């Protein structure tokens, strides 16, 4: 079963490798990983997807919580979560096929982010299935390049509870 973890951490060097190594040391394969700064520049959110059963998930949560750089961790319920990925797809285009490409982009609610005489770069946002379907539809025109982000997700209900103690955030506990 794919499990989504949302982890609030101190925004400082080396934190990502610490968290990722917690998963690898316990023999978890990370399927998706995304990191970004939150509304507080001292805090980052790491979203990780792994394949594991719920018992192992509880074990990893308890291990993550022990790390001094972790402020909070939560396993997200997919039915109560807003989750998205982003992809940029560069497609070979000519004057003859440009309208067809733009029709596909429109059907998937993509944004055109670059237009050149020989290519179009499209931005897709949504589930991995939506992005894969868009890539499949565009493949007949020739995909030049594709980059896809990891999943980012937020709980629909309450935010992750954590103690926002500014003095704690700036201390190196190691």
N, C-alpha and C. Protein backbone atom coordinates (compact mmCIF):
# COMPACT_ATOMS: atom_id res chain seq x y z
N UNK A 1 0.84 -1.17 0.00
CA UNK A 1 0.00 0.00 0.00
C UNK A 1 0.88 1.23 0.00
N UNK A 2 0.56 2.20 -0.87
CA UNK A 2 1.32 3.45 -0.90
C UNK A 2 0.89 4.34 0.25
N UNK A 3 1.86 4.80 1.01
CA UNK A 3 1.60 5.66 2.16
C UNK A 3 2.25 7.02 1.93
N UNK A 4 1.53 8.08 2.28
CA UNK A 4 2.02 9.45 2.11
C UNK A 4 2.35 10.01 3.48
N UNK A 5 3.57 10.50 3.63
CA UNK A 5 4.00 11.13 4.87
C UNK A 5 4.26 12.61 4.62
N UNK A 6 3.76 13.44 5.50
CA UNK A 6 4.05 14.86 5.47
C UNK A 6 4.86 15.17 6.72
N UNK A 7 6.05 15.72 6.52
CA UNK A 7 6.99 15.92 7.62
C UNK A 7 7.42 17.39 7.65
N UNK A 8 7.19 18.05 8.77
CA UNK A 8 7.67 19.41 8.95
C UNK A 8 9.04 19.33 9.62
N UNK A 9 10.02 20.00 9.01
CA UNK A 9 11.39 19.94 9.50
C UNK A 9 11.98 21.35 9.56
N UNK A 10 13.08 21.45 10.29
CA UNK A 10 13.83 22.71 10.30
C UNK A 10 14.39 22.93 8.90
N UNK A 11 14.36 24.14 8.45
CA UNK A 11 14.89 24.49 7.14
C UNK A 11 16.37 24.82 7.29
N UNK A 12 17.18 23.77 7.23
CA UNK A 12 18.63 23.94 7.37
C UNK A 12 19.35 22.87 6.56
N UNK A 13 20.63 23.09 6.26
CA UNK A 13 21.37 22.12 5.44
C UNK A 13 21.45 20.74 6.08
N UNK A 14 21.37 19.72 5.24
CA UNK A 14 21.54 18.35 5.68
C UNK A 14 20.29 17.66 6.18
N UNK A 15 19.18 18.38 6.29
CA UNK A 15 17.96 17.78 6.83
C UNK A 15 17.40 16.73 5.89
N UNK A 16 17.36 17.01 4.61
CA UNK A 16 16.79 16.06 3.66
C UNK A 16 17.53 14.73 3.69
N UNK A 17 18.83 14.75 3.71
CA UNK A 17 19.59 13.50 3.73
C UNK A 17 19.35 12.73 5.02
N UNK A 18 19.17 13.44 6.12
CA UNK A 18 18.87 12.77 7.39
C UNK A 18 17.54 12.02 7.31
N UNK A 19 16.53 12.69 6.78
CA UNK A 19 15.20 12.08 6.70
C UNK A 19 15.21 10.93 5.69
N UNK A 20 15.78 11.16 4.52
CA UNK A 20 15.82 10.11 3.50
C UNK A 20 16.58 8.89 4.00
N UNK A 21 17.65 9.12 4.76
CA UNK A 21 18.43 7.98 5.27
C UNK A 21 17.65 7.18 6.31
N UNK A 22 16.73 7.82 7.03
CA UNK A 22 15.88 7.07 7.96
C UNK A 22 15.07 6.01 7.22
N UNK A 23 14.61 6.37 6.03
CA UNK A 23 13.83 5.43 5.23
C UNK A 23 14.73 4.35 4.63
N UNK A 24 15.87 4.76 4.08
CA UNK A 24 16.73 3.78 3.42
C UNK A 24 17.34 2.80 4.41
N UNK A 25 17.68 3.26 5.61
CA UNK A 25 18.25 2.35 6.62
C UNK A 25 17.26 1.27 7.03
N UNK A 26 15.97 1.56 6.87
CA UNK A 26 14.94 0.58 7.22
C UNK A 26 14.42 -0.15 5.99
N UNK A 27 15.17 -0.03 4.89
CA UNK A 27 14.90 -0.75 3.65
C UNK A 27 13.58 -0.36 2.99
N UNK A 28 13.20 0.92 3.09
CA UNK A 28 12.04 1.43 2.37
C UNK A 28 12.53 2.07 1.08
N UNK A 29 11.82 1.80 -0.01
CA UNK A 29 12.10 2.46 -1.27
C UNK A 29 11.20 3.69 -1.36
N UNK A 30 11.78 4.85 -1.52
CA UNK A 30 11.01 6.08 -1.64
C UNK A 30 10.54 6.20 -3.09
N UNK A 31 9.21 6.20 -3.27
CA UNK A 31 8.64 6.31 -4.61
C UNK A 31 8.55 7.75 -5.08
N UNK A 32 8.35 8.66 -4.15
CA UNK A 32 8.24 10.08 -4.49
C UNK A 32 8.73 10.88 -3.30
N UNK A 33 9.42 11.98 -3.59
CA UNK A 33 9.94 12.85 -2.55
C UNK A 33 9.89 14.28 -3.06
N UNK A 34 9.30 15.16 -2.28
CA UNK A 34 9.25 16.59 -2.63
C UNK A 34 9.51 17.39 -1.37
N UNK A 35 10.26 18.47 -1.51
CA UNK A 35 10.62 19.32 -0.39
C UNK A 35 10.39 20.77 -0.79
N UNK A 36 9.85 21.54 0.13
CA UNK A 36 9.68 22.96 -0.12
C UNK A 36 9.53 23.73 1.17
N UNK A 37 9.88 24.98 1.13
CA UNK A 37 9.74 25.86 2.28
C UNK A 37 8.26 26.16 2.49
N UNK A 38 7.86 26.25 3.74
CA UNK A 38 6.47 26.58 4.07
C UNK A 38 6.30 28.09 4.15
N UNK A 39 5.17 28.54 4.66
CA UNK A 39 4.93 29.97 4.84
C UNK A 39 5.90 30.57 5.86
N UNK A 40 6.50 29.74 6.69
CA UNK A 40 7.53 30.14 7.65
C UNK A 40 8.88 29.73 7.06
N UNK A 41 9.73 30.68 6.77
CA UNK A 41 11.00 30.38 6.09
C UNK A 41 11.94 29.52 6.93
N UNK A 42 11.65 29.31 8.20
CA UNK A 42 12.46 28.46 9.06
C UNK A 42 12.03 26.99 9.00
N UNK A 43 10.92 26.72 8.30
CA UNK A 43 10.35 25.37 8.27
C UNK A 43 10.16 24.92 6.84
N UNK A 44 10.53 23.67 6.57
CA UNK A 44 10.28 23.04 5.27
C UNK A 44 9.32 21.87 5.47
N UNK A 45 8.60 21.55 4.40
CA UNK A 45 7.73 20.38 4.41
C UNK A 45 8.30 19.36 3.44
N UNK A 46 8.46 18.14 3.91
CA UNK A 46 8.91 17.02 3.08
C UNK A 46 7.71 16.10 2.89
N UNK A 47 7.40 15.81 1.64
CA UNK A 47 6.33 14.85 1.33
C UNK A 47 7.00 13.62 0.73
N UNK A 48 6.76 12.47 1.35
CA UNK A 48 7.39 11.22 0.92
C UNK A 48 6.31 10.16 0.73
N UNK A 49 6.44 9.40 -0.37
CA UNK A 49 5.56 8.26 -0.60
C UNK A 49 6.41 7.00 -0.59
N UNK A 50 5.98 6.04 0.22
CA UNK A 50 6.63 4.73 0.26
C UNK A 50 5.56 3.65 0.13
N UNK A 51 5.99 2.45 -0.18
CA UNK A 51 5.08 1.31 -0.20
C UNK A 51 5.37 0.48 1.04
N UNK A 52 4.37 0.40 1.95
CA UNK A 52 4.56 -0.33 3.21
C UNK A 52 3.21 -0.65 3.82
N UNK A 53 3.21 -1.58 4.76
CA UNK A 53 1.98 -1.86 5.50
C UNK A 53 1.88 -0.86 6.66
N UNK A 54 0.71 -0.81 7.28
CA UNK A 54 0.47 0.19 8.32
C UNK A 54 1.33 -0.03 9.57
N UNK A 55 1.65 -1.27 9.90
CA UNK A 55 2.51 -1.52 11.07
C UNK A 55 3.89 -0.93 10.86
N UNK A 56 4.44 -1.14 9.69
CA UNK A 56 5.77 -0.58 9.40
C UNK A 56 5.70 0.93 9.33
N UNK A 57 4.56 1.46 8.88
CA UNK A 57 4.39 2.92 8.83
C UNK A 57 4.45 3.52 10.23
N UNK A 58 3.82 2.88 11.19
CA UNK A 58 3.87 3.38 12.56
C UNK A 58 5.29 3.34 13.10
N UNK A 59 6.04 2.31 12.74
CA UNK A 59 7.44 2.22 13.17
C UNK A 59 8.27 3.37 12.60
N UNK A 60 8.07 3.66 11.31
CA UNK A 60 8.87 4.73 10.69
C UNK A 60 8.48 6.09 11.26
N UNK A 61 7.21 6.28 11.57
CA UNK A 61 6.78 7.55 12.17
C UNK A 61 7.47 7.74 13.52
N UNK A 62 7.51 6.71 14.33
CA UNK A 62 8.16 6.85 15.63
C UNK A 62 9.65 7.13 15.48
N UNK A 63 10.29 6.55 14.47
CA UNK A 63 11.71 6.83 14.22
C UNK A 63 11.92 8.26 13.74
N UNK A 64 11.05 8.72 12.86
CA UNK A 64 11.17 10.08 12.34
C UNK A 64 11.00 11.10 13.46
N UNK A 65 10.04 10.84 14.34
CA UNK A 65 9.76 11.79 15.43
C UNK A 65 10.94 11.94 16.37
N UNK A 66 11.84 10.97 16.42
CA UNK A 66 13.00 11.04 17.31
C UNK A 66 14.08 11.99 16.78
N UNK A 67 14.02 12.31 15.50
CA UNK A 67 15.06 13.16 14.92
C UNK A 67 14.90 14.59 15.44
N UNK A 68 15.99 15.21 15.87
CA UNK A 68 15.91 16.57 16.41
C UNK A 68 15.56 17.63 15.36
N UNK A 69 15.65 17.30 14.08
CA UNK A 69 15.31 18.29 13.05
C UNK A 69 13.83 18.23 12.66
N UNK A 70 13.12 17.21 13.15
CA UNK A 70 11.71 17.03 12.81
C UNK A 70 10.84 17.77 13.82
N UNK A 71 9.95 18.59 13.29
CA UNK A 71 9.00 19.31 14.14
C UNK A 71 7.69 18.55 14.27
N UNK A 72 7.28 17.86 13.19
CA UNK A 72 6.04 17.08 13.21
C UNK A 72 6.03 16.14 12.02
N UNK A 73 5.31 15.03 12.17
CA UNK A 73 5.14 14.08 11.07
C UNK A 73 3.71 13.57 11.10
N UNK A 74 3.17 13.35 9.92
CA UNK A 74 1.80 12.87 9.81
C UNK A 74 1.69 11.96 8.60
N UNK A 75 1.00 10.83 8.77
CA UNK A 75 0.66 9.99 7.62
C UNK A 75 -0.66 10.51 7.10
N UNK A 76 -0.70 10.85 5.82
CA UNK A 76 -1.90 11.44 5.25
C UNK A 76 -2.84 10.37 4.73
N UNK A 77 -4.11 10.55 4.99
CA UNK A 77 -5.16 9.68 4.48
C UNK A 77 -5.50 10.15 3.07
N UNK A 78 -5.27 9.32 2.05
CA UNK A 78 -5.51 9.75 0.67
C UNK A 78 -6.92 10.27 0.41
N UNK A 79 -7.91 9.74 1.13
CA UNK A 79 -9.28 10.19 0.91
C UNK A 79 -9.54 11.56 1.53
N UNK A 80 -8.62 12.04 2.36
CA UNK A 80 -8.79 13.32 3.03
C UNK A 80 -7.61 14.26 2.73
N UNK A 81 -7.04 14.09 1.53
CA UNK A 81 -5.83 14.81 1.18
C UNK A 81 -5.96 15.43 -0.21
N UNK A 82 -5.45 16.64 -0.34
CA UNK A 82 -5.32 17.26 -1.65
C UNK A 82 -3.87 17.04 -2.07
N UNK A 83 -3.69 16.37 -3.21
CA UNK A 83 -2.34 16.01 -3.66
C UNK A 83 -2.20 16.34 -5.14
N UNK A 84 -1.03 16.86 -5.50
CA UNK A 84 -0.76 17.22 -6.89
C UNK A 84 0.70 16.98 -7.23
N UNK A 85 0.93 16.75 -8.53
CA UNK A 85 2.27 16.73 -9.10
C UNK A 85 2.28 17.75 -10.21
N UNK A 86 3.45 18.13 -10.63
CA UNK A 86 3.59 19.04 -11.76
C UNK A 86 4.55 18.41 -12.77
N UNK A 87 4.28 18.65 -14.03
CA UNK A 87 5.17 18.14 -15.07
C UNK A 87 5.31 19.20 -16.15
N UNK A 88 6.51 19.27 -16.70
CA UNK A 88 6.78 20.07 -17.89
C UNK A 88 7.08 19.10 -19.01
N UNK A 89 6.37 19.24 -20.11
CA UNK A 89 6.57 18.36 -21.25
C UNK A 89 6.87 19.21 -22.47
N UNK A 90 8.04 18.97 -23.07
CA UNK A 90 8.41 19.66 -24.32
C UNK A 90 8.08 18.72 -25.47
N UNK A 91 7.24 19.21 -26.38
CA UNK A 91 6.73 18.40 -27.49
C UNK A 91 7.20 19.01 -28.80
N UNK A 92 7.61 18.14 -29.72
CA UNK A 92 7.97 18.59 -31.06
C UNK A 92 6.71 19.12 -31.74
N UNK A 93 6.79 20.34 -32.30
CA UNK A 93 5.62 20.90 -32.97
C UNK A 93 6.02 21.58 -34.27
N UNK A 94 5.06 21.58 -35.18
CA UNK A 94 5.19 22.29 -36.45
C UNK A 94 3.93 23.12 -36.63
N UNK A 95 3.91 23.92 -37.65
CA UNK A 95 2.69 24.69 -37.93
C UNK A 95 1.51 23.77 -38.20
N UNK A 96 1.77 22.58 -38.70
CA UNK A 96 0.69 21.65 -39.07
C UNK A 96 0.09 20.92 -37.87
N UNK A 97 0.88 20.65 -36.83
CA UNK A 97 0.33 19.89 -35.70
C UNK A 97 0.12 20.73 -34.44
N UNK A 98 0.46 22.00 -34.49
CA UNK A 98 0.38 22.86 -33.30
C UNK A 98 -1.03 22.92 -32.73
N UNK A 99 -2.05 23.05 -33.58
CA UNK A 99 -3.43 23.12 -33.07
C UNK A 99 -3.83 21.83 -32.38
N UNK A 100 -3.41 20.70 -32.91
CA UNK A 100 -3.73 19.41 -32.29
C UNK A 100 -3.09 19.31 -30.91
N UNK A 101 -1.86 19.75 -30.79
CA UNK A 101 -1.15 19.73 -29.50
C UNK A 101 -1.86 20.64 -28.51
N UNK A 102 -2.24 21.82 -28.97
CA UNK A 102 -2.91 22.77 -28.08
C UNK A 102 -4.30 22.26 -27.67
N UNK A 103 -4.96 21.51 -28.52
CA UNK A 103 -6.25 20.91 -28.15
C UNK A 103 -6.08 19.88 -27.04
N UNK A 104 -5.02 19.07 -27.14
CA UNK A 104 -4.73 18.10 -26.08
C UNK A 104 -4.40 18.84 -24.80
N UNK A 105 -3.57 19.88 -24.90
CA UNK A 105 -3.22 20.67 -23.72
C UNK A 105 -4.47 21.25 -23.07
N UNK A 106 -5.37 21.75 -23.88
CA UNK A 106 -6.61 22.32 -23.37
C UNK A 106 -7.46 21.25 -22.67
N UNK A 107 -7.53 20.06 -23.25
CA UNK A 107 -8.31 18.97 -22.65
C UNK A 107 -7.78 18.58 -21.27
N UNK A 108 -6.47 18.71 -21.07
CA UNK A 108 -5.85 18.37 -19.79
C UNK A 108 -5.63 19.61 -18.91
N UNK A 109 -6.16 20.74 -19.34
CA UNK A 109 -6.03 22.02 -18.61
C UNK A 109 -4.57 22.40 -18.37
N UNK A 110 -3.76 22.20 -19.38
CA UNK A 110 -2.34 22.53 -19.28
C UNK A 110 -2.12 23.99 -19.64
N UNK A 111 -1.01 24.52 -19.18
CA UNK A 111 -0.60 25.88 -19.53
C UNK A 111 0.55 25.79 -20.53
N UNK A 112 0.51 26.65 -21.52
CA UNK A 112 1.63 26.77 -22.45
C UNK A 112 2.62 27.71 -21.78
N UNK A 113 3.83 27.22 -21.53
CA UNK A 113 4.84 28.05 -20.86
C UNK A 113 5.95 28.50 -21.81
N UNK A 114 6.06 27.85 -22.97
CA UNK A 114 7.04 28.29 -23.97
C UNK A 114 6.60 27.80 -25.33
N UNK A 115 6.79 28.67 -26.29
CA UNK A 115 6.41 28.35 -27.66
C UNK A 115 7.55 28.78 -28.58
N UNK A 116 8.10 27.83 -29.32
CA UNK A 116 9.16 28.14 -30.27
C UNK A 116 8.75 27.55 -31.62
N UNK A 117 9.48 27.85 -32.68
CA UNK A 117 9.08 27.33 -34.00
C UNK A 117 9.05 25.80 -34.08
N UNK A 118 9.86 25.12 -33.26
CA UNK A 118 9.96 23.66 -33.35
C UNK A 118 9.42 22.90 -32.15
N UNK A 119 9.00 23.61 -31.11
CA UNK A 119 8.55 22.91 -29.91
C UNK A 119 7.59 23.77 -29.09
N UNK A 120 6.86 23.08 -28.23
CA UNK A 120 5.97 23.71 -27.24
C UNK A 120 6.30 23.06 -25.90
N UNK A 121 6.42 23.88 -24.86
CA UNK A 121 6.56 23.36 -23.51
C UNK A 121 5.24 23.60 -22.79
N UNK A 122 4.69 22.51 -22.26
CA UNK A 122 3.41 22.55 -21.57
C UNK A 122 3.60 22.20 -20.10
N UNK A 123 2.82 22.85 -19.25
CA UNK A 123 2.85 22.61 -17.81
C UNK A 123 1.54 21.91 -17.41
N UNK A 124 1.68 20.73 -16.82
CA UNK A 124 0.53 19.95 -16.37
C UNK A 124 0.57 19.86 -14.85
N UNK A 125 -0.59 19.99 -14.23
CA UNK A 125 -0.71 19.83 -12.79
C UNK A 125 -1.84 18.85 -12.52
N UNK A 126 -1.59 17.92 -11.60
CA UNK A 126 -2.64 16.96 -11.24
C UNK A 126 -2.05 15.68 -10.70
N UNK A 127 -2.83 14.63 -10.80
CA UNK A 127 -2.37 13.32 -10.32
C UNK A 127 -1.35 12.74 -11.30
N UNK A 128 -0.62 11.75 -10.82
CA UNK A 128 0.34 11.07 -11.69
C UNK A 128 -0.38 10.41 -12.87
N UNK A 129 -1.58 9.89 -12.63
CA UNK A 129 -2.36 9.27 -13.72
C UNK A 129 -2.72 10.28 -14.80
N UNK A 130 -3.11 11.49 -14.39
CA UNK A 130 -3.44 12.54 -15.36
C UNK A 130 -2.22 12.92 -16.18
N UNK A 131 -1.10 13.08 -15.52
CA UNK A 131 0.14 13.47 -16.21
C UNK A 131 0.59 12.37 -17.16
N UNK A 132 0.49 11.13 -16.72
CA UNK A 132 0.86 10.01 -17.60
C UNK A 132 -0.06 9.92 -18.81
N UNK A 133 -1.35 10.17 -18.61
CA UNK A 133 -2.30 10.15 -19.73
C UNK A 133 -1.99 11.27 -20.72
N UNK A 134 -1.64 12.44 -20.21
CA UNK A 134 -1.28 13.56 -21.09
C UNK A 134 -0.01 13.23 -21.89
N UNK A 135 0.97 12.65 -21.22
CA UNK A 135 2.21 12.28 -21.91
C UNK A 135 1.93 11.24 -22.99
N UNK A 136 1.06 10.30 -22.69
CA UNK A 136 0.69 9.28 -23.67
C UNK A 136 0.01 9.93 -24.88
N UNK A 137 -0.89 10.86 -24.63
CA UNK A 137 -1.60 11.54 -25.72
C UNK A 137 -0.65 12.37 -26.58
N UNK A 138 0.37 12.94 -25.96
CA UNK A 138 1.33 13.78 -26.69
C UNK A 138 2.45 12.98 -27.36
N UNK A 139 2.59 11.73 -26.99
CA UNK A 139 3.71 10.94 -27.49
C UNK A 139 3.70 10.78 -29.01
N UNK A 140 2.54 10.83 -29.62
CA UNK A 140 2.48 10.69 -31.09
C UNK A 140 3.14 11.86 -31.81
N UNK A 141 3.26 13.00 -31.13
CA UNK A 141 3.90 14.17 -31.74
C UNK A 141 5.40 14.18 -31.51
N UNK A 142 5.85 13.38 -30.56
CA UNK A 142 7.27 13.31 -30.23
C UNK A 142 7.61 14.15 -29.02
N UNK A 143 7.75 13.49 -27.90
CA UNK A 143 8.16 14.19 -26.68
C UNK A 143 9.66 14.36 -26.72
N UNK A 144 10.11 15.60 -26.61
CA UNK A 144 11.53 15.91 -26.63
C UNK A 144 12.12 15.75 -25.23
N UNK A 145 11.43 16.31 -24.25
CA UNK A 145 11.87 16.22 -22.86
C UNK A 145 10.64 16.20 -21.95
N UNK A 146 10.81 15.58 -20.78
CA UNK A 146 9.75 15.53 -19.79
C UNK A 146 10.40 15.55 -18.42
N UNK A 147 9.87 16.37 -17.53
CA UNK A 147 10.30 16.37 -16.13
C UNK A 147 9.05 16.39 -15.28
N UNK A 148 9.06 15.56 -14.23
CA UNK A 148 7.90 15.44 -13.37
C UNK A 148 8.35 15.58 -11.92
N UNK A 149 7.61 16.36 -11.15
CA UNK A 149 7.96 16.56 -9.75
C UNK A 149 7.47 15.39 -8.92
N UNK A 150 7.87 15.39 -7.67
CA UNK A 150 7.29 14.46 -6.72
C UNK A 150 5.94 15.00 -6.26
N UNK A 151 5.19 14.18 -5.60
CA UNK A 151 3.88 14.54 -5.11
C UNK A 151 4.01 15.54 -3.96
N UNK A 152 3.16 16.55 -3.97
CA UNK A 152 3.01 17.42 -2.81
C UNK A 152 1.58 17.25 -2.32
N UNK A 153 1.37 17.32 -1.01
CA UNK A 153 0.05 17.02 -0.48
C UNK A 153 -0.18 17.77 0.83
N UNK A 154 -1.45 18.11 1.05
CA UNK A 154 -1.88 18.71 2.32
C UNK A 154 -3.15 18.01 2.77
N UNK A 155 -3.27 17.86 4.07
CA UNK A 155 -4.47 17.31 4.68
C UNK A 155 -5.60 18.32 4.51
N UNK A 156 -6.79 17.87 4.15
CA UNK A 156 -7.94 18.77 3.98
C UNK A 156 -8.39 19.37 5.31
N UNK A 157 -8.19 18.65 6.39
CA UNK A 157 -8.69 19.09 7.69
C UNK A 157 -7.69 20.01 8.37
N UNK A 158 -7.27 19.62 9.53
CA UNK A 158 -6.37 20.42 10.35
C UNK A 158 -4.93 20.32 9.86
N UNK A 159 -4.15 21.39 10.03
CA UNK A 159 -2.72 21.29 9.70
C UNK A 159 -2.02 20.37 10.70
N UNK A 160 -0.81 19.97 10.36
CA UNK A 160 -0.02 19.14 11.25
C UNK A 160 0.28 19.95 12.51
N UNK A 161 -0.07 19.43 13.68
CA UNK A 161 0.24 20.17 14.91
C UNK A 161 1.72 20.06 15.25
N UNK A 162 2.31 21.18 15.61
CA UNK A 162 3.69 21.18 16.07
C UNK A 162 3.88 22.36 16.99
N UNK A 163 4.88 22.26 17.83
CA UNK A 163 5.18 23.34 18.77
C UNK A 163 6.02 24.38 18.03
N UNK A 164 5.47 25.55 17.85
CA UNK A 164 6.22 26.59 17.14
C UNK A 164 6.95 27.46 18.15
N UNK A 165 8.07 26.95 18.61
CA UNK A 165 8.89 27.65 19.57
C UNK A 165 10.11 28.19 18.84
N UNK A 166 10.15 29.51 18.58
CA UNK A 166 11.25 30.08 17.79
C UNK A 166 12.64 29.78 18.36
N UNK A 167 12.78 29.70 19.67
CA UNK A 167 14.11 29.42 20.20
C UNK A 167 14.51 27.98 19.89
N UNK A 168 13.55 27.08 19.88
CA UNK A 168 13.83 25.68 19.55
C UNK A 168 14.23 25.55 18.08
N UNK A 169 13.59 26.30 17.20
CA UNK A 169 13.85 26.18 15.76
C UNK A 169 15.28 26.50 15.39
N UNK A 170 15.92 27.36 16.11
CA UNK A 170 17.24 27.82 15.72
C UNK A 170 18.37 27.16 16.50
N UNK A 171 18.06 26.19 17.33
CA UNK A 171 19.10 25.51 18.10
C UNK A 171 19.53 24.25 17.37
N UNK A 172 20.81 24.02 17.35
CA UNK A 172 21.34 22.77 16.83
C UNK A 172 21.42 21.81 18.01
N UNK A 173 20.60 20.75 17.96
CA UNK A 173 20.51 19.84 19.09
C UNK A 173 21.52 18.71 19.03
N UNK A 174 22.39 18.71 18.04
CA UNK A 174 23.38 17.64 17.94
C UNK A 174 24.68 18.01 18.58
